[in-house]
Amino acid sequence: MAERKHLEWFRSRLAASALHERTDPASVLAWLDERRAGISFQASLIPLNDVRGWGRDADGNVCHDSGQFFGVQGVRTEAGGLREVKSWDQPILTQPEGGVLAMVARESGAGIEFLLQAKAEPGNIGTLQLVPSLQCTWSNIRRIHQGNNPPLTELLAAEQGVRWVYRALHNEEGGRFWRKSNENIVLFLDDPSLITTDLTMFYWATHGQIKELALVDNVLSPFVKTIVAPL
């Protein structure tokens, strides 16, 4: 069962905000264009045999040397009459644990605002896409990749100054992922000093602006839409 201690309170604040908040996404899009122009990020497809840190086990499954992150295995499906064909085999992504997808919200003179992150991923069209405030796997939080801490994870550990509006598990896309779910969260920030992350790649946008961004091609992550849908 989802946790929703502050959900009705937040919905009331969101309704009040809708009466006067900005809805034009032009300022968000202009900011995103500036960020895209100022980054250095390149990605290109390479053969699987050339991928560093990844290999195949005795059964041919693709996995990371650490045993963390995700893997690629095969799945055999018997669908009866539920699908276009009765049976098929396919590769599928497996992962021992899900991820965290969190939107951080605040209330300012502009109303309720959500903190969007401009995140670079190798498969993005336009390199940077607007994603939830916090988007990472538990493997990344534990720094299995030996890199930096994911941004805004400091808020997950805060004991005061943050209200958990709701949290619920959402199933990943089952045609690509094997029985994986992500924890979807909305956090309301009462104490801005809790944020120690550099917010250069983040933008505070209203609910109205986010709805308009959902109508713009290749800008808004589907995870953002999923998280704000219950609001």
C-alpha atoms as a PDB file:
ATOM      1  CA  MET A   1       0.000   0.000   0.000  1.00  0.00           C
ATOM      2  CA  ALA A   2       1.296   3.441  -0.931  1.00  0.00           C
ATOM      3  CA  GLU A   3       2.266   5.887   1.802  1.00  0.00           C
ATOM      4  CA  ARG A   4       0.306   9.142   1.459  1.00  0.00           C
ATOM      5  CA  LYS A   5       0.482  10.967   4.783  1.00  0.00           C
ATOM      6  CA  HIS A   6       0.603  14.493   3.326  1.00  0.00           C
ATOM      7  CA  LEU A   7      -1.062  13.871  -0.053  1.00  0.00           C
ATOM      8  CA  GLU A   8      -4.415  15.579   0.579  1.00  0.00           C
ATOM      9  CA  TRP A   9      -2.678  18.594   2.134  1.00  0.00           C
ATOM     10  CA  PHE A  10      -0.382  18.859  -0.880  1.00  0.00           C
ATOM     11  CA  ARG A  11      -3.277  18.554  -3.324  1.00  0.00           C
ATOM     12  CA  SER A  12      -4.958  21.506  -1.619  1.00  0.00           C
ATOM     13  CA  ARG A  13      -1.791  23.606  -1.932  1.00  0.00           C
ATOM     14  CA  LEU A  14      -1.455  22.539  -5.577  1.00  0.00           C
ATOM     15  CA  ALA A  15      -5.056  23.626  -6.288  1.00  0.00           C
ATOM     16  CA  ALA A  16      -4.401  27.034  -4.725  1.00  0.00           C
ATOM     17  CA  SER A  17      -1.220  27.371  -6.735  1.00  0.00           C
ATOM     18  CA  ALA A  18      -3.048  26.643 -10.002  1.00  0.00           C
ATOM     19  CA  LEU A  19      -5.019  29.887  -9.631  1.00  0.00           C
ATOM     20  CA  HIS A  20      -1.956  32.077 -10.204  1.00  0.00           C
ATOM     21  CA  GLU A  21       1.050  29.952 -11.226  1.00  0.00           C
ATOM     22  CA  ARG A  22       2.972  30.281 -14.496  1.00  0.00           C
ATOM     23  CA  THR A  23       1.962  27.844 -17.234  1.00  0.00           C
ATOM     24  CA  ASP A  24       4.088  29.037 -20.163  1.00  0.00           C
ATOM     25  CA  PRO A  25       7.066  26.646 -20.532  1.00  0.00           C
ATOM     26  CA  ALA A  26       9.142  29.126 -22.590  1.00  0.00           C
ATOM     27  CA  SER A  27      11.483  29.993 -19.709  1.00  0.00           C
ATOM     28  CA  VAL A  28      12.112  26.300 -18.983  1.00  0.00           C
ATOM     29  CA  LEU A  29      12.847  25.537 -22.629  1.00  0.00           C
ATOM     30  CA  ALA A  30      15.180  28.536 -22.948  1.00  0.00           C
ATOM     31  CA  TRP A  31      17.078  27.381 -19.856  1.00  0.00           C
ATOM     32  CA  LEU A  32      17.310  23.846 -21.272  1.00  0.00           C
ATOM     33  CA  ASP A  33      18.716  25.179 -24.564  1.00  0.00           C
ATOM     34  CA  GLU A  34      21.389  27.076 -22.621  1.00  0.00           C
ATOM     35  CA  ARG A  35      22.366  23.946 -20.729  1.00  0.00           C
ATOM     36  CA  ARG A  36      22.518  21.887 -23.903  1.00  0.00           C
ATOM     37  CA  ALA A  37      24.818  24.446 -25.493  1.00  0.00           C
ATOM     38  CA  GLY A  38      27.185  24.431 -22.522  1.00  0.00           C
ATOM     39  CA  ILE A  39      27.866  20.719 -22.040  1.00  0.00           C
ATOM     40  CA  SER A  40      30.314  18.217 -23.484  1.00  0.00           C
ATOM     41  CA  PHE A  41      28.709  14.799 -23.869  1.00  0.00           C
ATOM     42  CA  GLN A  42      29.078  12.286 -26.669  1.00  0.00           C
ATOM     43  CA  ALA A  43      27.660   8.792 -27.139  1.00  0.00           C
ATOM     44  CA  SER A  44      27.845   6.346 -30.019  1.00  0.00           C
ATOM     45  CA  LEU A  45      26.901   2.710 -30.489  1.00  0.00           C
ATOM     46  CA  ILE A  46      29.724   0.166 -30.164  1.00  0.00           C
ATOM     47  CA  PRO A  47      29.818  -3.658 -30.325  1.00  0.00           C
ATOM     48  CA  LEU A  48      28.870  -5.426 -27.102  1.00  0.00           C
ATOM     49  CA  ASN A  49      32.225  -7.205 -27.148  1.00  0.00           C
ATOM     50  CA  ASP A  50      33.938  -3.815 -26.756  1.00  0.00           C
ATOM     51  CA  VAL A  51      31.953  -2.644 -23.712  1.00  0.00           C
ATOM     52  CA  ARG A  52      34.260  -2.123 -20.729  1.00  0.00           C
ATOM     53  CA  GLY A  53      33.314  -3.762 -17.439  1.00  0.00           C
ATOM     54  CA  TRP A  54      30.657  -6.011 -18.955  1.00  0.00           C
ATOM     55  CA  GLY A  55      30.791  -9.600 -20.157  1.00  0.00           C
ATOM     56  CA  ARG A  56      28.885 -12.850 -20.554  1.00  0.00           C
ATOM     57  CA  ASP A  57      28.467 -15.663 -18.068  1.00  0.00           C
ATOM     58  CA  ALA A  58      28.497 -19.386 -18.874  1.00  0.00           C
ATOM     59  CA  ASP A  59      24.908 -19.193 -20.159  1.00  0.00           C
ATOM     60  CA  GLY A  60      25.583 -16.196 -22.399  1.00  0.00           C
ATOM     61  CA  ASN A  61      23.773 -13.700 -20.162  1.00  0.00           C
ATOM     62  CA  VAL A  62      25.187 -10.165 -20.276  1.00  0.00           C
ATOM     63  CA  CYS A  63      26.151  -8.803 -16.854  1.00  0.00           C
ATOM     64  CA  HIS A  64      28.414  -6.269 -15.144  1.00  0.00           C
ATOM     65  CA  ASP A  65      31.666  -7.458 -13.600  1.00  0.00           C
ATOM     66  CA  SER A  66      30.437  -6.337 -10.163  1.00  0.00           C
ATOM     67  CA  GLY A  67      27.217  -8.324 -10.408  1.00  0.00           C
ATOM     68  CA  GLN A  68      25.296  -5.077  -9.869  1.00  0.00           C
ATOM     69  CA  PHE A  69      23.293  -2.766 -12.145  1.00  0.00           C
ATOM     70  CA  PHE A  70      21.265  -4.759 -14.688  1.00  0.00           C
ATOM     71  CA  GLY A  71      21.713  -7.850 -16.823  1.00  0.00           C
ATOM     72  CA  VAL A  72      20.353  -9.160 -20.110  1.00  0.00           C
ATOM     73  CA  GLN A  73      18.823 -12.619 -20.056  1.00  0.00           C
ATOM     74  CA  GLY A  74      16.279 -14.503 -22.145  1.00  0.00           C
ATOM     75  CA  VAL A  75      12.605 -15.004 -21.392  1.00  0.00           C
ATOM     76  CA  ARG A  76      10.201 -17.511 -22.949  1.00  0.00           C
ATOM     77  CA  THR A  77       6.569 -16.444 -22.921  1.00  0.00           C
ATOM     78  CA  GLU A  78       3.402 -18.512 -23.366  1.00  0.00           C
ATOM     79  CA  ALA A  79       0.622 -15.983 -23.891  1.00  0.00           C
ATOM     80  CA  GLY A  80      -2.342 -18.131 -24.877  1.00  0.00           C
ATOM     81  CA  GLY A  81      -4.791 -15.799 -26.597  1.00  0.00           C
ATOM     82  CA  LEU A  82      -3.807 -12.635 -24.741  1.00  0.00           C
ATOM     83  CA  ARG A  83      -1.309 -11.329 -27.298  1.00  0.00           C
ATOM     84  CA  GLU A  84      -0.728 -11.188 -31.053  1.00  0.00           C
ATOM     85  CA  VAL A  85       1.122 -14.521 -31.005  1.00  0.00           C
ATOM     86  CA  LYS A  86       0.751 -17.464 -28.623  1.00  0.00           C
ATOM     87  CA  SER A  87       4.434 -17.824 -27.695  1.00  0.00           C
ATOM     88  CA  TRP A  88       7.743 -16.034 -28.161  1.00  0.00           C
ATOM     89  CA  ASP A  89      11.330 -15.740 -26.887  1.00  0.00           C
ATOM     90  CA  GLN A  90      13.141 -12.435 -26.349  1.00  0.00           C
ATOM     91  CA  PRO A  91      15.999 -10.823 -24.413  1.00  0.00           C
ATOM     92  CA  ILE A  92      14.883  -8.951 -21.298  1.00  0.00           C
ATOM     93  CA  LEU A  93      16.612  -6.643 -18.816  1.00  0.00           C
ATOM     94  CA  THR A  94      16.971  -8.050 -15.317  1.00  0.00           C
ATOM     95  CA  GLN A  95      17.911  -6.138 -12.181  1.00  0.00           C
ATOM     96  CA  PRO A  96      18.194  -7.383  -8.593  1.00  0.00           C
ATOM     97  CA  GLU A  97      16.631  -4.178  -7.279  1.00  0.00           C
ATOM     98  CA  GLY A  98      14.682  -1.212  -8.503  1.00  0.00           C
ATOM     99  CA  GLY A  99      15.382   2.484  -8.413  1.00  0.00           C
ATOM    100  CA  VAL A 100      14.263   5.712  -6.801  1.00  0.00           C
ATOM    101  CA  LEU A 101      12.335   8.339  -8.745  1.00  0.00           C
ATOM    102  CA  ALA A 102      11.638  11.397  -6.603  1.00  0.00           C
ATOM    103  CA  MET A 103      10.222  14.840  -7.303  1.00  0.00           C
ATOM    104  CA  VAL A 104      11.168  17.548  -4.817  1.00  0.00           C
ATOM    105  CA  ALA A 105       8.556  20.276  -4.371  1.00  0.00           C
ATOM    106  CA  ARG A 106       8.495  23.613  -2.603  1.00  0.00           C
ATOM    107  CA  GLU A 107       6.091  26.537  -2.190  1.00  0.00           C
ATOM    108  CA  SER A 108       7.318  29.991  -3.139  1.00  0.00           C
ATOM    109  CA  GLY A 109       5.800  33.252  -4.303  1.00  0.00           C
ATOM    110  CA  ALA A 110       5.269  31.554  -7.663  1.00  0.00           C
ATOM    111  CA  GLY A 111       3.197  28.805  -6.022  1.00  0.00           C
ATOM    112  CA  ILE A 112       4.049  25.124  -5.853  1.00  0.00           C
ATOM    113  CA  GLU A 113       7.175  24.313  -7.849  1.00  0.00           C
ATOM    114  CA  PHE A 114       8.884  21.036  -8.706  1.00  0.00           C
ATOM    115  CA  LEU A 115      12.623  20.614  -9.139  1.00  0.00           C
ATOM    116  CA  LEU A 116      13.385  19.174 -12.587  1.00  0.00           C
ATOM    117  CA  GLN A 117      16.829  17.838 -13.451  1.00  0.00           C
ATOM    118  CA  ALA A 118      18.400  18.201 -16.905  1.00  0.00           C
ATOM    119  CA  LYS A 119      20.045  14.806 -17.199  1.00  0.00           C
ATOM    120  CA  ALA A 120      22.293  13.453 -19.940  1.00  0.00           C
ATOM    121  CA  GLU A 121      21.776   9.838 -20.989  1.00  0.00           C
ATOM    122  CA  PRO A 122      23.415   8.113 -23.978  1.00  0.00           C
ATOM    123  CA  GLY A 123      20.108   7.312 -25.663  1.00  0.00           C
ATOM    124  CA  ASN A 124      18.463  10.720 -25.255  1.00  0.00           C
ATOM    125  CA  ILE A 125      17.369  12.706 -28.280  1.00  0.00           C
ATOM    126  CA  GLY A 126      18.903  16.120 -27.598  1.00  0.00           C
ATOM    127  CA  THR A 127      21.279  14.683 -24.959  1.00  0.00           C
ATOM    128  CA  LEU A 128      19.605  16.449 -22.011  1.00  0.00           C
ATOM    129  CA  GLN A 129      16.123  15.477 -20.931  1.00  0.00           C
ATOM    130  CA  LEU A 130      14.096  16.878 -18.042  1.00  0.00           C
ATOM    131  CA  VAL A 131      13.790  14.103 -15.474  1.00  0.00           C
ATOM    132  CA  PRO A 132      12.691  13.819 -11.824  1.00  0.00           C
ATOM    133  CA  SER A 133      14.738  15.627  -9.179  1.00  0.00           C
ATOM    134  CA  LEU A 134      16.271  12.318  -8.128  1.00  0.00           C
ATOM    135  CA  GLN A 135      16.547   9.418 -10.570  1.00  0.00           C
ATOM    136  CA  CYS A 136      18.913   6.568  -9.771  1.00  0.00           C
ATOM    137  CA  THR A 137      19.185   2.927  -8.835  1.00  0.00           C
ATOM    138  CA  TRP A 138      20.078   1.716  -5.368  1.00  0.00           C
ATOM    139  CA  SER A 139      23.332   0.460  -6.908  1.00  0.00           C
ATOM    140  CA  ASN A 140      24.165   4.070  -7.799  1.00  0.00           C
ATOM    141  CA  ILE A 141      23.228   5.274  -4.314  1.00  0.00           C
ATOM    142  CA  ARG A 142      25.667   2.735  -2.909  1.00  0.00           C
ATOM    143  CA  ARG A 143      28.222   4.043  -5.456  1.00  0.00           C
ATOM    144  CA  ILE A 144      28.938   0.667  -7.054  1.00  0.00           C
ATOM    145  CA  HIS A 145      30.057   2.699 -10.089  1.00  0.00           C
ATOM    146  CA  GLN A 146      32.747   4.309  -7.845  1.00  0.00           C
ATOM    147  CA  GLY A 147      31.655   7.740  -9.010  1.00  0.00           C
ATOM    148  CA  ASN A 148      30.013  10.656  -7.231  1.00  0.00           C
ATOM    149  CA  ASN A 149      26.915  10.429  -5.071  1.00  0.00           C
ATOM    150  CA  PRO A 150      23.711  10.882  -7.074  1.00  0.00           C
ATOM    151  CA  PRO A 151      22.357  14.428  -6.668  1.00  0.00           C
ATOM    152  CA  LEU A 152      19.844  15.155  -3.905  1.00  0.00           C
ATOM    153  CA  THR A 153      20.243  11.811  -2.139  1.00  0.00           C
ATOM    154  CA  GLU A 154      20.873  13.917   0.978  1.00  0.00           C
ATOM    155  CA  LEU A 155      17.110  14.522   1.132  1.00  0.00           C
ATOM    156  CA  LEU A 156      16.303  10.817   1.389  1.00  0.00           C
ATOM    157  CA  ALA A 157      18.228  10.630   4.649  1.00  0.00           C
ATOM    158  CA  ALA A 158      16.815  13.839   6.173  1.00  0.00           C
ATOM    159  CA  GLU A 159      14.924  13.276   9.422  1.00  0.00           C
ATOM    160  CA  GLN A 160      13.448  16.794   9.556  1.00  0.00           C
ATOM    161  CA  GLY A 161      12.694  19.576   7.076  1.00  0.00           C
ATOM    162  CA  VAL A 162      11.128  17.284   4.454  1.00  0.00           C
ATOM    163  CA  ARG A 163       7.558  15.990   4.186  1.00  0.00           C
ATOM    164  CA  TRP A 164       6.969  12.740   2.293  1.00  0.00           C
ATOM    165  CA  VAL A 165       3.848  13.571   0.285  1.00  0.00           C
ATOM    166  CA  TYR A 166       3.528  10.063  -1.101  1.00  0.00           C
ATOM    167  CA  ARG A 167       5.622   7.054  -2.038  1.00  0.00           C
ATOM    168  CA  ALA A 168       4.519   4.045  -4.066  1.00  0.00           C
ATOM    169  CA  LEU A 169       6.053   1.259  -6.114  1.00  0.00           C
ATOM    170  CA  HIS A 170       5.420   1.446  -9.861  1.00  0.00           C
ATOM    171  CA  ASN A 171       6.115  -1.448 -12.209  1.00  0.00           C
ATOM    172  CA  GLU A 172       8.696  -0.749 -14.922  1.00  0.00           C
ATOM    173  CA  GLU A 173       7.795  -1.366 -18.579  1.00  0.00           C
ATOM    174  CA  GLY A 174       7.302  -5.147 -18.570  1.00  0.00           C
ATOM    175  CA  GLY A 175       8.198  -5.679 -22.199  1.00  0.00           C
ATOM    176  CA  ARG A 176      11.794  -4.654 -21.445  1.00  0.00           C
ATOM    177  CA  PHE A 177      12.287  -5.263 -17.691  1.00  0.00           C
ATOM    178  CA  TRP A 178      11.770  -8.497 -15.752  1.00  0.00           C
ATOM    179  CA  ARG A 179       9.586  -7.856 -12.677  1.00  0.00           C
ATOM    180  CA  LYS A 180      11.211  -4.556 -11.785  1.00  0.00           C
ATOM    181  CA  SER A 181       9.546  -1.744  -9.865  1.00  0.00           C
ATOM    182  CA  ASN A 182      10.697   1.759  -8.998  1.00  0.00           C
ATOM    183  CA  GLU A 183       9.826   3.713  -5.872  1.00  0.00           C
ATOM    184  CA  ASN A 184       7.999   6.866  -6.940  1.00  0.00           C
ATOM    185  CA  ILE A 185       8.180   9.660  -4.374  1.00  0.00           C
ATOM    186  CA  VAL A 186       7.114  13.286  -3.940  1.00  0.00           C
ATOM    187  CA  LEU A 187       9.032  15.178  -1.242  1.00  0.00           C
ATOM    188  CA  PHE A 188       7.950  18.599  -0.018  1.00  0.00           C
ATOM    189  CA  LEU A 189      10.898  20.718   1.077  1.00  0.00           C
ATOM    190  CA  ASP A 190      10.300  22.742   4.243  1.00  0.00           C
ATOM    191  CA  ASP A 191      13.989  23.517   4.841  1.00  0.00           C
ATOM    192  CA  PRO A 192      15.899  24.588   1.683  1.00  0.00           C
ATOM    193  CA  SER A 193      19.219  24.424   3.560  1.00  0.00           C
ATOM    194  CA  LEU A 194      19.016  20.635   3.424  1.00  0.00           C
ATOM    195  CA  ILE A 195      20.026  20.739  -0.246  1.00  0.00           C
ATOM    196  CA  THR A 196      23.789  20.484  -0.593  1.00  0.00           C
ATOM    197  CA  THR A 197      23.698  19.434  -4.270  1.00  0.00           C
ATOM    198  CA  ASP A 198      24.875  21.930  -6.901  1.00  0.00           C
ATOM    199  CA  LEU A 199      21.650  22.949  -8.669  1.00  0.00           C
ATOM    200  CA  THR A 200      23.277  24.168 -11.891  1.00  0.00           C
ATOM    201  CA  MET A 201      21.498  21.436 -13.842  1.00  0.00           C
ATOM    202  CA  PHE A 202      18.154  21.838 -12.051  1.00  0.00           C
ATOM    203  CA  TYR A 203      15.141  24.081 -12.668  1.00  0.00           C
ATOM    204  CA  TRP A 204      12.099  24.872 -10.498  1.00  0.00           C
ATOM    205  CA  ALA A 205       8.958  24.531 -12.657  1.00  0.00           C
ATOM    206  CA  THR A 206       5.274  24.783 -11.785  1.00  0.00           C
ATOM    207  CA  HIS A 207       2.766  21.998 -12.289  1.00  0.00           C
ATOM    208  CA  GLY A 208       1.217  24.018 -15.110  1.00  0.00           C
ATOM    209  CA  GLN A 209       4.561  24.336 -16.886  1.00  0.00           C
ATOM    210  CA  ILE A 210       5.198  20.609 -16.523  1.00  0.00           C
ATOM    211  CA  LYS A 211       1.846  19.832 -18.145  1.00  0.00           C
ATOM    212  CA  GLU A 212       2.758  22.068 -21.069  1.00  0.00           C
ATOM    213  CA  LEU A 213       6.226  20.493 -21.333  1.00  0.00           C
ATOM    214  CA  ALA A 214       4.511  17.116 -21.720  1.00  0.00           C
ATOM    215  CA  LEU A 215       3.213  18.416 -25.070  1.00  0.00           C
ATOM    216  CA  VAL A 216       6.695  19.292 -26.367  1.00  0.00           C
ATOM    217  CA  ASP A 217       8.591  16.634 -28.330  1.00  0.00           C
ATOM    218  CA  ASN A 218      11.496  14.836 -26.640  1.00  0.00           C
ATOM    219  CA  VAL A 219      11.869  17.122 -23.614  1.00  0.00           C
ATOM    220  CA  LEU A 220      10.121  15.592 -20.604  1.00  0.00           C
ATOM    221  CA  SER A 221      10.924  12.172 -19.186  1.00  0.00           C
ATOM    222  CA  PRO A 222       7.928   9.814 -18.905  1.00  0.00           C
ATOM    223  CA  PHE A 223       8.965   9.260 -15.283  1.00  0.00           C
ATOM    224  CA  VAL A 224       8.042  12.881 -14.468  1.00  0.00           C
ATOM    225  CA  LYS A 225       4.543  12.298 -15.841  1.00  0.00           C
ATOM    226  CA  THR A 226       4.155   9.116 -13.815  1.00  0.00           C
ATOM    227  CA  ILE A 227       5.184  10.772 -10.550  1.00  0.00           C
ATOM    228  CA  VAL A 228       2.901  13.828 -10.863  1.00  0.00           C
ATOM    229  CA  ALA A 229      -0.088  11.810 -12.149  1.00  0.00           C
ATOM    230  CA  PRO A 230      -1.447  11.012  -8.640  1.00  0.00           C
ATOM    231  CA  LEU A 231      -1.447  14.700  -7.722  1.00  0.00           C
END
